[in-house]
Amino acid sequence: MRDVTGRLMLLDTASLYFRAYFGVPDSVKAPDGTPVNAVRGLLDFIDRLVRDHHPEHLVACMDADWRPKWRVELIPSYKAHRVAEEHELGPDAEEVPDTLSPQVPVIEAVLDALGIARVGVEGYEADDVIGTFTARATGPVDIVTGDRDLYQLVDDARGVRVLYPLKGVGTLQLTDEAWLREKYGVDGGGYADLALLRGDPSDGLPGVPGIGEKTAAKLLAEFGDLAGILAAVDDRTSKLTPAQRKRLDEARPYLAVAPTVVRVASDVPLPDVDTALPRTPRDPAALEALSGRWGLGGALQRLLSTLES
């Protein structure tokens, strides 16, 4: 990874094109009738993000493996309910709407022709790519995602915030540590502990039975972090209730592995890519062909105008 000193914007690309797919009518089609609502919606998202937030660097982070085996080995239920087909030698296939799957290669080709850095690393999720770019950045970082898991990266001191789409990307929740403390009672560093204690059915994380979000926040406020909570389990003079002590003690096998699963990686072997926001397309001929083939029209032109300005 090359040095990134200016404002870096990291896109959780799948999160955004899923939102585009469900937010833009499937009547938006290519000349041959193929739906391109996710493609055009994502281009509009990127256009709005660049206009509103002025990043100097932009990376479309991808899921090279949306359900890494190293996470599944620790917690077998991890994202298990979203598996469409298991693959012994490669990543499992994820359940994706029939008319979205064919649009993903088009999205990738358009990003490449534009010259927007697109990074996925074998064996890792986009979250891990985002976590590693964030760890290595020396300037402010805007993470654009509809996935609350990435709240764990919020760090006011380093200028790291999450832009969480509420409606399209025109209305974003600017998530900083003050917002997290008000909403969840934790800062960015504490969010992962909150999430693993609470659990997350959408990711197949069981959590600790009987420990919901409010209780988890209270325990973290009282004992600092997961290690402090587990120390309190062993300390018979601590203020844990008998029920909490029992539940946490019984959950030790889960709590021993959950941090590795829930916390995003910060040591992914990133490729050497140019993350600078492109002002002109990397491959104008390919982009023109893609635009004609898929009817990208106004969405692509708007983005090109924004990039040139």
C-alpha atoms as a PDB file:
ATOM      1  CA  MET A   1       0.000   0.000   0.000  1.00  0.00           C
ATOM      2  CA  ARG A   2       1.299   3.421  -0.951  1.00  0.00           C
ATOM      3  CA  ASP A   3       1.387   6.313   1.493  1.00  0.00           C
ATOM      4  CA  VAL A   4      -2.029   7.898   1.990  1.00  0.00           C
ATOM      5  CA  THR A   5      -1.824  11.262   3.696  1.00  0.00           C
ATOM      6  CA  GLY A   6      -4.974  13.090   2.524  1.00  0.00           C
ATOM      7  CA  ARG A   7      -8.620  12.277   3.296  1.00  0.00           C
ATOM      8  CA  LEU A   8      -9.246   8.622   2.483  1.00  0.00           C
ATOM      9  CA  MET A   9     -12.734   7.310   1.709  1.00  0.00           C
ATOM     10  CA  LEU A  10     -13.249   3.544   2.006  1.00  0.00           C
ATOM     11  CA  LEU A  11     -16.354   2.043   0.431  1.00  0.00           C
ATOM     12  CA  ASP A  12     -17.890  -1.159   1.768  1.00  0.00           C
ATOM     13  CA  THR A  13     -18.786  -1.854  -1.835  1.00  0.00           C
ATOM     14  CA  ALA A  14     -21.134  -4.829  -1.439  1.00  0.00           C
ATOM     15  CA  SER A  15     -23.051  -3.029   1.308  1.00  0.00           C
ATOM     16  CA  LEU A  16     -23.542  -0.076  -1.030  1.00  0.00           C
ATOM     17  CA  TYR A  17     -24.495  -1.983  -4.172  1.00  0.00           C
ATOM     18  CA  PHE A  18     -27.000  -4.061  -2.166  1.00  0.00           C
ATOM     19  CA  ARG A  19     -28.548  -0.771  -1.015  1.00  0.00           C
ATOM     20  CA  ALA A  20     -28.503   0.562  -4.562  1.00  0.00           C
ATOM     21  CA  TYR A  21     -30.159  -2.626  -5.829  1.00  0.00           C
ATOM     22  CA  PHE A  22     -33.015  -2.383  -3.343  1.00  0.00           C
ATOM     23  CA  GLY A  23     -33.258   1.406  -3.539  1.00  0.00           C
ATOM     24  CA  VAL A  24     -33.351   1.855  -7.333  1.00  0.00           C
ATOM     25  CA  PRO A  25     -36.262   0.293  -9.280  1.00  0.00           C
ATOM     26  CA  ASP A  26     -35.399  -2.805 -11.332  1.00  0.00           C
ATOM     27  CA  SER A  27     -37.093  -1.055 -14.245  1.00  0.00           C
ATOM     28  CA  VAL A  28     -33.717   0.676 -14.725  1.00  0.00           C
ATOM     29  CA  LYS A  29     -32.331  -1.537 -17.488  1.00  0.00           C
ATOM     30  CA  ALA A  30     -29.642  -1.836 -20.136  1.00  0.00           C
ATOM     31  CA  PRO A  31     -30.657  -1.555 -23.817  1.00  0.00           C
ATOM     32  CA  ASP A  32     -31.078  -5.352 -23.951  1.00  0.00           C
ATOM     33  CA  GLY A  33     -33.445  -5.329 -20.976  1.00  0.00           C
ATOM     34  CA  THR A  34     -30.953  -6.516 -18.343  1.00  0.00           C
ATOM     35  CA  PRO A  35     -31.478  -4.753 -14.980  1.00  0.00           C
ATOM     36  CA  VAL A  36     -28.643  -2.351 -14.117  1.00  0.00           C
ATOM     37  CA  ASN A  37     -30.233  -0.680 -11.102  1.00  0.00           C
ATOM     38  CA  ALA A  38     -27.363  -1.675  -8.782  1.00  0.00           C
ATOM     39  CA  VAL A  39     -24.737  -0.435 -11.248  1.00  0.00           C
ATOM     40  CA  ARG A  40     -26.318   2.923 -11.873  1.00  0.00           C
ATOM     41  CA  GLY A  41     -27.348   3.341  -8.258  1.00  0.00           C
ATOM     42  CA  LEU A  42     -23.772   2.724  -7.075  1.00  0.00           C
ATOM     43  CA  LEU A  43     -22.417   5.257  -9.580  1.00  0.00           C
ATOM     44  CA  ASP A  44     -24.884   7.822  -8.233  1.00  0.00           C
ATOM     45  CA  PHE A  45     -23.822   6.947  -4.672  1.00  0.00           C
ATOM     46  CA  ILE A  46     -20.134   7.488  -5.479  1.00  0.00           C
ATOM     47  CA  ASP A  47     -20.909  10.738  -7.294  1.00  0.00           C
ATOM     48  CA  ARG A  48     -22.782  12.105  -4.270  1.00  0.00           C
ATOM     49  CA  LEU A  49     -20.116  10.936  -1.807  1.00  0.00           C
ATOM     50  CA  VAL A  50     -17.300  12.589  -3.750  1.00  0.00           C
ATOM     51  CA  ARG A  51     -19.260  15.834  -4.179  1.00  0.00           C
ATOM     52  CA  ASP A  52     -20.276  16.052  -0.532  1.00  0.00           C
ATOM     53  CA  HIS A  53     -17.131  14.834   1.229  1.00  0.00           C
ATOM     54  CA  HIS A  54     -14.229  15.630  -1.143  1.00  0.00           C
ATOM     55  CA  PRO A  55     -11.936  12.646  -0.554  1.00  0.00           C
ATOM     56  CA  GLU A  56      -8.423  12.804  -1.981  1.00  0.00           C
ATOM     57  CA  HIS A  57      -8.217   9.003  -2.004  1.00  0.00           C
ATOM     58  CA  LEU A  58     -10.966   6.472  -2.705  1.00  0.00           C
ATOM     59  CA  VAL A  59     -10.944   2.677  -2.423  1.00  0.00           C
ATOM     60  CA  ALA A  60     -13.789   0.317  -3.310  1.00  0.00           C
ATOM     61  CA  CYS A  61     -13.210  -2.500  -0.806  1.00  0.00           C
ATOM     62  CA  MET A  62     -14.471  -5.921  -1.888  1.00  0.00           C
ATOM     63  CA  ASP A  63     -15.350  -9.266  -0.299  1.00  0.00           C
ATOM     64  CA  ALA A  64     -12.849 -11.690  -1.815  1.00  0.00           C
ATOM     65  CA  ASP A  65     -14.244 -14.114   0.779  1.00  0.00           C
ATOM     66  CA  TRP A  66     -17.444 -13.019   2.505  1.00  0.00           C
ATOM     67  CA  ARG A  67     -17.285 -15.942   5.004  1.00  0.00           C
ATOM     68  CA  PRO A  68     -13.623 -16.724   5.693  1.00  0.00           C
ATOM     69  CA  LYS A  69     -12.906 -20.263   6.864  1.00  0.00           C
ATOM     70  CA  TRP A  70     -10.735 -19.006   9.712  1.00  0.00           C
ATOM     71  CA  ARG A  71     -13.785 -17.271  11.177  1.00  0.00           C
ATOM     72  CA  VAL A  72     -16.094 -20.233  10.541  1.00  0.00           C
ATOM     73  CA  GLU A  73     -13.653 -22.624  12.239  1.00  0.00           C
ATOM     74  CA  LEU A  74     -13.960 -20.552  15.407  1.00  0.00           C
ATOM     75  CA  ILE A  75     -17.740 -19.968  15.248  1.00  0.00           C
ATOM     76  CA  PRO A  76     -19.388 -22.424  12.795  1.00  0.00           C
ATOM     77  CA  SER A  77     -22.674 -20.475  12.814  1.00  0.00           C
ATOM     78  CA  TYR A  78     -20.916 -17.391  11.398  1.00  0.00           C
ATOM     79  CA  LYS A  79     -23.104 -16.219   8.475  1.00  0.00           C
ATOM     80  CA  ALA A  80     -24.230 -19.849   8.008  1.00  0.00           C
ATOM     81  CA  HIS A  81     -27.842 -18.844   7.292  1.00  0.00           C
ATOM     82  CA  ARG A  82     -26.690 -16.832   4.244  1.00  0.00           C
ATOM     83  CA  VAL A  83     -24.894 -19.697   2.500  1.00  0.00           C
ATOM     84  CA  ALA A  84     -26.470 -20.618  -0.820  1.00  0.00           C
ATOM     85  CA  GLU A  85     -23.881 -23.268  -1.733  1.00  0.00           C
ATOM     86  CA  GLU A  86     -20.878 -24.659   0.141  1.00  0.00           C
ATOM     87  CA  HIS A  87     -17.565 -24.918  -1.718  1.00  0.00           C
ATOM     88  CA  GLU A  88     -14.826 -27.137  -0.334  1.00  0.00           C
ATOM     89  CA  LEU A  89     -11.928 -25.442  -2.151  1.00  0.00           C
ATOM     90  CA  GLY A  90     -13.074 -21.832  -2.340  1.00  0.00           C
ATOM     91  CA  PRO A  91     -15.409 -19.308  -0.719  1.00  0.00           C
ATOM     92  CA  ASP A  92     -18.981 -20.452  -0.097  1.00  0.00           C
ATOM     93  CA  ALA A  93     -21.567 -18.906  -2.389  1.00  0.00           C
ATOM     94  CA  GLU A  94     -23.730 -16.267  -0.718  1.00  0.00           C
ATOM     95  CA  GLU A  95     -27.457 -15.904  -1.282  1.00  0.00           C
ATOM     96  CA  VAL A  96     -27.785 -12.990  -3.697  1.00  0.00           C
ATOM     97  CA  PRO A  97     -30.888 -11.907  -5.661  1.00  0.00           C
ATOM     98  CA  ASP A  98     -30.916 -13.410  -9.172  1.00  0.00           C
ATOM     99  CA  THR A  99     -30.857 -10.052 -10.927  1.00  0.00           C
ATOM    100  CA  LEU A 100     -28.071  -8.640  -8.736  1.00  0.00           C
ATOM    101  CA  SER A 101     -25.406 -11.310  -9.293  1.00  0.00           C
ATOM    102  CA  PRO A 102     -24.914 -10.497 -13.023  1.00  0.00           C
ATOM    103  CA  GLN A 103     -24.453  -6.807 -12.162  1.00  0.00           C
ATOM    104  CA  VAL A 104     -21.438  -7.350  -9.882  1.00  0.00           C
ATOM    105  CA  PRO A 105     -18.932  -8.058 -12.711  1.00  0.00           C
ATOM    106  CA  VAL A 106     -20.249  -4.961 -14.504  1.00  0.00           C
ATOM    107  CA  ILE A 107     -19.671  -2.864 -11.373  1.00  0.00           C
ATOM    108  CA  GLU A 108     -16.126  -4.205 -11.106  1.00  0.00           C
ATOM    109  CA  ALA A 109     -15.381  -3.508 -14.777  1.00  0.00           C
ATOM    110  CA  VAL A 110     -16.729   0.055 -14.556  1.00  0.00           C
ATOM    111  CA  LEU A 111     -14.713   0.833 -11.414  1.00  0.00           C
ATOM    112  CA  ASP A 112     -11.572  -0.522 -13.086  1.00  0.00           C
ATOM    113  CA  ALA A 113     -12.134   1.505 -16.267  1.00  0.00           C
ATOM    114  CA  LEU A 114     -12.724   4.632 -14.186  1.00  0.00           C
ATOM    115  CA  GLY A 115      -9.476   4.037 -12.306  1.00  0.00           C
ATOM    116  CA  ILE A 116     -11.091   3.810  -8.871  1.00  0.00           C
ATOM    117  CA  ALA A 117      -8.939   1.498  -6.749  1.00  0.00           C
ATOM    118  CA  ARG A 118     -10.741  -1.805  -6.129  1.00  0.00           C
ATOM    119  CA  VAL A 119      -9.243  -4.052  -3.473  1.00  0.00           C
ATOM    120  CA  GLY A 120     -10.217  -7.500  -2.280  1.00  0.00           C
ATOM    121  CA  VAL A 121      -7.779  -9.921  -0.663  1.00  0.00           C
ATOM    122  CA  GLU A 122      -8.139 -13.700  -0.748  1.00  0.00           C
ATOM    123  CA  GLY A 123      -9.295 -15.097   2.581  1.00  0.00           C
ATOM    124  CA  TYR A 124     -10.632 -11.799   3.884  1.00  0.00           C
ATOM    125  CA  GLU A 125     -13.838  -9.788   3.957  1.00  0.00           C
ATOM    126  CA  ALA A 126     -14.152  -6.196   2.800  1.00  0.00           C
ATOM    127  CA  ASP A 127     -14.342  -5.239   6.501  1.00  0.00           C
ATOM    128  CA  ASP A 128     -10.811  -6.559   6.984  1.00  0.00           C
ATOM    129  CA  VAL A 129      -9.528  -4.621   3.974  1.00  0.00           C
ATOM    130  CA  ILE A 130     -11.175  -1.506   5.405  1.00  0.00           C
ATOM    131  CA  GLY A 131      -9.660  -2.198   8.811  1.00  0.00           C
ATOM    132  CA  THR A 132      -6.165  -2.503   7.374  1.00  0.00           C
ATOM    133  CA  PHE A 133      -6.393   0.609   5.201  1.00  0.00           C
ATOM    134  CA  THR A 134      -7.676   2.471   8.261  1.00  0.00           C
ATOM    135  CA  ALA A 135      -4.843   1.228  10.453  1.00  0.00           C
ATOM    136  CA  ARG A 136      -2.225   2.329   7.926  1.00  0.00           C
ATOM    137  CA  ALA A 137      -3.705   5.703   6.980  1.00  0.00           C
ATOM    138  CA  THR A 138      -2.009   8.802   8.335  1.00  0.00           C
ATOM    139  CA  GLY A 139      -4.813  11.230   7.472  1.00  0.00           C
ATOM    140  CA  PRO A 140      -8.573  11.310   8.172  1.00  0.00           C
ATOM    141  CA  VAL A 141     -10.680   8.340   7.061  1.00  0.00           C
ATOM    142  CA  ASP A 142     -14.337   8.183   6.035  1.00  0.00           C
ATOM    143  CA  ILE A 143     -15.757   4.637   6.010  1.00  0.00           C
ATOM    144  CA  VAL A 144     -18.981   4.368   4.017  1.00  0.00           C
ATOM    145  CA  THR A 145     -20.975   1.308   5.045  1.00  0.00           C
ATOM    146  CA  GLY A 146     -24.401   0.061   6.020  1.00  0.00           C
ATOM    147  CA  ASP A 147     -22.712  -2.436   8.360  1.00  0.00           C
ATOM    148  CA  ARG A 148     -22.603  -1.383  12.019  1.00  0.00           C
ATOM    149  CA  ASP A 149     -19.744  -3.809  12.684  1.00  0.00           C
ATOM    150  CA  LEU A 150     -17.382  -1.146  11.376  1.00  0.00           C
ATOM    151  CA  TYR A 151     -18.335   1.234  14.187  1.00  0.00           C
ATOM    152  CA  GLN A 152     -15.453  -0.448  16.024  1.00  0.00           C
ATOM    153  CA  LEU A 153     -13.017   1.538  13.853  1.00  0.00           C
ATOM    154  CA  VAL A 154     -14.360   4.973  14.846  1.00  0.00           C
ATOM    155  CA  ASP A 155     -11.539   7.000  16.402  1.00  0.00           C
ATOM    156  CA  ASP A 156     -11.918  10.743  16.937  1.00  0.00           C
ATOM    157  CA  ALA A 157      -8.226  11.220  17.703  1.00  0.00           C
ATOM    158  CA  ARG A 158      -7.290   9.838  14.282  1.00  0.00           C
ATOM    159  CA  GLY A 159     -10.205  11.398  12.403  1.00  0.00           C
ATOM    160  CA  VAL A 160     -11.812   8.036  11.600  1.00  0.00           C
ATOM    161  CA  ARG A 161     -15.591   8.119  11.265  1.00  0.00           C
ATOM    162  CA  VAL A 162     -18.295   5.978   9.701  1.00  0.00           C
ATOM    163  CA  LEU A 163     -20.749   7.442   7.202  1.00  0.00           C
ATOM    164  CA  TYR A 164     -23.808   5.240   7.589  1.00  0.00           C
ATOM    165  CA  PRO A 165     -26.467   5.624   4.874  1.00  0.00           C
ATOM    166  CA  LEU A 166     -29.940   6.249   6.246  1.00  0.00           C
ATOM    167  CA  LYS A 167     -31.592   7.045   2.904  1.00  0.00           C
ATOM    168  CA  GLY A 168     -29.501   6.521  -0.195  1.00  0.00           C
ATOM    169  CA  VAL A 169     -26.273   8.347   0.509  1.00  0.00           C
ATOM    170  CA  GLY A 170     -27.858  11.780   0.527  1.00  0.00           C
ATOM    171  CA  THR A 171     -28.746  11.307   4.183  1.00  0.00           C
ATOM    172  CA  LEU A 172     -25.812   9.919   6.142  1.00  0.00           C
ATOM    173  CA  GLN A 173     -25.389   9.338   9.833  1.00  0.00           C
ATOM    174  CA  LEU A 174     -21.947  10.764  10.661  1.00  0.00           C
ATOM    175  CA  THR A 175     -20.825   8.324  13.320  1.00  0.00           C
ATOM    176  CA  ASP A 176     -18.154   9.608  15.685  1.00  0.00           C
ATOM    177  CA  GLU A 177     -17.335   8.693  19.281  1.00  0.00           C
ATOM    178  CA  ALA A 178     -19.825  11.178  20.758  1.00  0.00           C
ATOM    179  CA  TRP A 179     -22.632   9.575  18.733  1.00  0.00           C
ATOM    180  CA  LEU A 180     -21.536   6.081  19.769  1.00  0.00           C
ATOM    181  CA  ARG A 181     -21.406   7.006  23.442  1.00  0.00           C
ATOM    182  CA  GLU A 182     -24.883   8.521  23.273  1.00  0.00           C
ATOM    183  CA  LYS A 183     -26.364   5.589  21.356  1.00  0.00           C
ATOM    184  CA  TYR A 184     -24.515   2.613  22.817  1.00  0.00           C
ATOM    185  CA  GLY A 185     -22.569   3.894  25.825  1.00  0.00           C
ATOM    186  CA  VAL A 186     -19.220   2.861  24.292  1.00  0.00           C
ATOM    187  CA  ASP A 187     -16.560   4.414  22.102  1.00  0.00           C
ATOM    188  CA  GLY A 188     -15.239   2.899  18.878  1.00  0.00           C
ATOM    189  CA  GLY A 189     -12.820   0.598  20.644  1.00  0.00           C
ATOM    190  CA  GLY A 190     -15.569  -0.769  22.890  1.00  0.00           C
ATOM    191  CA  TYR A 191     -18.073  -1.464  20.123  1.00  0.00           C
ATOM    192  CA  ALA A 192     -16.602  -4.863  19.180  1.00  0.00           C
ATOM    193  CA  ASP A 193     -16.902  -6.062  22.793  1.00  0.00           C
ATOM    194  CA  LEU A 194     -20.483  -4.800  22.914  1.00  0.00           C
ATOM    195  CA  ALA A 195     -21.295  -6.594  19.657  1.00  0.00           C
ATOM    196  CA  LEU A 196     -19.848  -9.940  20.688  1.00  0.00           C
ATOM    197  CA  LEU A 197     -21.563  -9.871  24.090  1.00  0.00           C
ATOM    198  CA  ARG A 198     -24.914  -8.851  22.566  1.00  0.00           C
ATOM    199  CA  GLY A 199     -24.623 -11.153  19.561  1.00  0.00           C
ATOM    200  CA  ASP A 200     -25.836 -10.472  16.042  1.00  0.00           C
ATOM    201  CA  PRO A 201     -28.368 -12.792  14.379  1.00  0.00           C
ATOM    202  CA  SER A 202     -27.654 -11.253  10.956  1.00  0.00           C
ATOM    203  CA  ASP A 203     -24.074 -12.567  11.209  1.00  0.00           C
ATOM    204  CA  GLY A 204     -24.893 -15.788  13.044  1.00  0.00           C
ATOM    205  CA  LEU A 205     -23.179 -14.626  16.247  1.00  0.00           C
ATOM    206  CA  PRO A 206     -24.942 -16.136  19.264  1.00  0.00           C
ATOM    207  CA  GLY A 207     -23.748 -13.664  21.884  1.00  0.00           C
ATOM    208  CA  VAL A 208     -24.066 -14.435  25.593  1.00  0.00           C
ATOM    209  CA  PRO A 209     -27.567 -15.700  26.433  1.00  0.00           C
ATOM    210  CA  GLY A 210     -29.403 -13.208  28.613  1.00  0.00           C
ATOM    211  CA  ILE A 211     -26.935 -10.382  27.917  1.00  0.00           C
ATOM    212  CA  GLY A 212     -28.634  -7.869  25.641  1.00  0.00           C
ATOM    213  CA  GLU A 213     -27.344  -4.574  24.339  1.00  0.00           C
ATOM    214  CA  LYS A 214     -28.196  -2.498  27.425  1.00  0.00           C
ATOM    215  CA  THR A 215     -26.740  -5.028  29.845  1.00  0.00           C
ATOM    216  CA  ALA A 216     -23.601  -5.362  27.721  1.00  0.00           C
ATOM    217  CA  ALA A 217     -23.173  -1.570  27.738  1.00  0.00           C
ATOM    218  CA  LYS A 218     -23.593  -1.447  31.519  1.00  0.00           C
ATOM    219  CA  LEU A 219     -21.041  -4.221  32.029  1.00  0.00           C
ATOM    220  CA  LEU A 220     -18.527  -2.439  29.801  1.00  0.00           C
ATOM    221  CA  ALA A 221     -19.121   0.845  31.632  1.00  0.00           C
ATOM    222  CA  GLU A 222     -18.534  -0.939  34.946  1.00  0.00           C
ATOM    223  CA  PHE A 223     -15.580  -3.159  34.038  1.00  0.00           C
ATOM    224  CA  GLY A 224     -13.985  -1.425  31.037  1.00  0.00           C
ATOM    225  CA  ASP A 225     -13.672  -4.169  28.446  1.00  0.00           C
ATOM    226  CA  LEU A 226     -14.195  -7.899  27.886  1.00  0.00           C
ATOM    227  CA  ALA A 227     -11.062  -8.789  29.830  1.00  0.00           C
ATOM    228  CA  GLY A 228     -12.302  -6.692  32.758  1.00  0.00           C
ATOM    229  CA  ILE A 229     -15.691  -8.395  32.649  1.00  0.00           C
ATOM    230  CA  LEU A 230     -14.113 -11.865  32.685  1.00  0.00           C
ATOM    231  CA  ALA A 231     -11.887 -10.825  35.576  1.00  0.00           C
ATOM    232  CA  ALA A 232     -15.053  -9.754  37.410  1.00  0.00           C
ATOM    233  CA  VAL A 233     -16.527 -13.219  36.817  1.00  0.00           C
ATOM    234  CA  ASP A 234     -13.592 -14.673  38.752  1.00  0.00           C
ATOM    235  CA  ASP A 235     -13.762 -12.006  41.448  1.00  0.00           C
ATOM    236  CA  ARG A 236     -16.511 -13.028  43.870  1.00  0.00           C
ATOM    237  CA  THR A 237     -16.536  -9.517  45.348  1.00  0.00           C
ATOM    238  CA  SER A 238     -17.418  -7.867  42.026  1.00  0.00           C
ATOM    239  CA  LYS A 239     -20.841  -6.343  41.417  1.00  0.00           C
ATOM    240  CA  LEU A 240     -22.029  -8.937  38.914  1.00  0.00           C
ATOM    241  CA  THR A 241     -25.394 -10.476  39.714  1.00  0.00           C
ATOM    242  CA  PRO A 242     -25.371 -14.250  40.271  1.00  0.00           C
ATOM    243  CA  ALA A 243     -27.249 -14.720  36.988  1.00  0.00           C
ATOM    244  CA  GLN A 244     -24.780 -12.584  35.024  1.00  0.00           C
ATOM    245  CA  ARG A 245     -21.824 -14.380  36.575  1.00  0.00           C
ATOM    246  CA  LYS A 246     -23.299 -17.765  35.656  1.00  0.00           C
ATOM    247  CA  ARG A 247     -24.137 -16.758  32.081  1.00  0.00           C
ATOM    248  CA  LEU A 248     -20.730 -15.239  31.428  1.00  0.00           C
ATOM    249  CA  ASP A 249     -18.929 -18.176  33.012  1.00  0.00           C
ATOM    250  CA  GLU A 250     -20.849 -20.656  30.871  1.00  0.00           C
ATOM    251  CA  ALA A 251     -20.112 -18.571  27.771  1.00  0.00           C
ATOM    252  CA  ARG A 252     -16.303 -18.698  28.234  1.00  0.00           C
ATOM    253  CA  PRO A 253     -15.704 -21.008  25.224  1.00  0.00           C
ATOM    254  CA  TYR A 254     -17.578 -18.563  22.985  1.00  0.00           C
ATOM    255  CA  LEU A 255     -15.939 -15.501  24.551  1.00  0.00           C
ATOM    256  CA  ALA A 256     -12.498 -17.034  24.002  1.00  0.00           C
ATOM    257  CA  VAL A 257     -12.929 -17.058  20.204  1.00  0.00           C
ATOM    258  CA  ALA A 258     -15.519 -14.331  19.529  1.00  0.00           C
ATOM    259  CA  PRO A 259     -13.050 -11.403  19.619  1.00  0.00           C
ATOM    260  CA  THR A 260     -11.059 -12.892  16.737  1.00  0.00           C
ATOM    261  CA  VAL A 261     -14.250 -13.328  14.710  1.00  0.00           C
ATOM    262  CA  VAL A 262     -15.861  -9.980  15.499  1.00  0.00           C
ATOM    263  CA  ARG A 263     -12.845  -7.660  15.359  1.00  0.00           C
ATOM    264  CA  VAL A 264     -11.834  -6.684  11.854  1.00  0.00           C
ATOM    265  CA  ALA A 265      -8.312  -7.571  10.794  1.00  0.00           C
ATOM    266  CA  SER A 266      -5.720  -4.822  10.598  1.00  0.00           C
ATOM    267  CA  ASP A 267      -2.905  -6.838   9.041  1.00  0.00           C
ATOM    268  CA  VAL A 268      -4.301  -7.874   5.644  1.00  0.00           C
ATOM    269  CA  PRO A 269      -1.588  -8.094   2.949  1.00  0.00           C
ATOM    270  CA  LEU A 270      -2.810  -5.211   0.807  1.00  0.00           C
ATOM    271  CA  PRO A 271      -1.675  -4.928  -2.805  1.00  0.00           C
ATOM    272  CA  ASP A 272       0.270  -1.922  -4.019  1.00  0.00           C
ATOM    273  CA  VAL A 273      -2.516   0.193  -5.518  1.00  0.00           C
ATOM    274  CA  ASP A 274      -2.883   3.834  -6.446  1.00  0.00           C
ATOM    275  CA  THR A 275      -5.680   5.072  -4.192  1.00  0.00           C
ATOM    276  CA  ALA A 276      -5.730   8.644  -5.510  1.00  0.00           C
ATOM    277  CA  LEU A 277      -9.150   9.794  -6.664  1.00  0.00           C
ATOM    278  CA  PRO A 278      -8.995   9.654 -10.476  1.00  0.00           C
ATOM    279  CA  ARG A 279      -9.670  12.874 -12.348  1.00  0.00           C
ATOM    280  CA  THR A 280      -9.909  11.192 -15.762  1.00  0.00           C
ATOM    281  CA  PRO A 281     -10.780   7.584 -16.668  1.00  0.00           C
ATOM    282  CA  ARG A 282      -7.970   5.038 -16.661  1.00  0.00           C
ATOM    283  CA  ASP A 283      -9.399   3.351 -19.771  1.00  0.00           C
ATOM    284  CA  PRO A 284     -11.715   5.728 -21.683  1.00  0.00           C
ATOM    285  CA  ALA A 285     -12.339   3.263 -24.524  1.00  0.00           C
ATOM    286  CA  ALA A 286     -13.387   0.474 -22.170  1.00  0.00           C
ATOM    287  CA  LEU A 287     -15.574   2.886 -20.217  1.00  0.00           C
ATOM    288  CA  GLU A 288     -17.306   4.080 -23.378  1.00  0.00           C
ATOM    289  CA  ALA A 289     -17.963   0.485 -24.427  1.00  0.00           C
ATOM    290  CA  LEU A 290     -19.346  -0.385 -20.982  1.00  0.00           C
ATOM    291  CA  SER A 291     -21.548   2.702 -20.995  1.00  0.00           C
ATOM    292  CA  GLY A 292     -23.036   1.802 -24.350  1.00  0.00           C
ATOM    293  CA  ARG A 293     -23.448  -1.895 -23.577  1.00  0.00           C
ATOM    294  CA  TRP A 294     -25.135  -1.335 -20.224  1.00  0.00           C
ATOM    295  CA  GLY A 295     -26.866   2.004 -20.792  1.00  0.00           C
ATOM    296  CA  LEU A 296     -25.086   3.798 -17.963  1.00  0.00           C
ATOM    297  CA  GLY A 297     -25.811   7.199 -19.479  1.00  0.00           C
ATOM    298  CA  GLY A 298     -26.476  10.035 -17.068  1.00  0.00           C
ATOM    299  CA  ALA A 299     -25.234   8.228 -13.936  1.00  0.00           C
ATOM    300  CA  LEU A 300     -21.780   7.720 -15.438  1.00  0.00           C
ATOM    301  CA  GLN A 301     -21.621  11.202 -16.958  1.00  0.00           C
ATOM    302  CA  ARG A 302     -22.493  12.826 -13.647  1.00  0.00           C
ATOM    303  CA  LEU A 303     -19.723  10.920 -11.898  1.00  0.00           C
ATOM    304  CA  LEU A 304     -17.200  11.767 -14.625  1.00  0.00           C
ATOM    305  CA  SER A 305     -18.079  15.466 -14.336  1.00  0.00           C
ATOM    306  CA  THR A 306     -17.653  15.338 -10.561  1.00  0.00           C
ATOM    307  CA  LEU A 307     -14.290  13.605 -10.826  1.00  0.00           C
ATOM    308  CA  GLU A 308     -13.037  16.177 -13.339  1.00  0.00           C
ATOM    309  CA  SER A 309     -14.073  19.160 -11.225  1.00  0.00           C
END
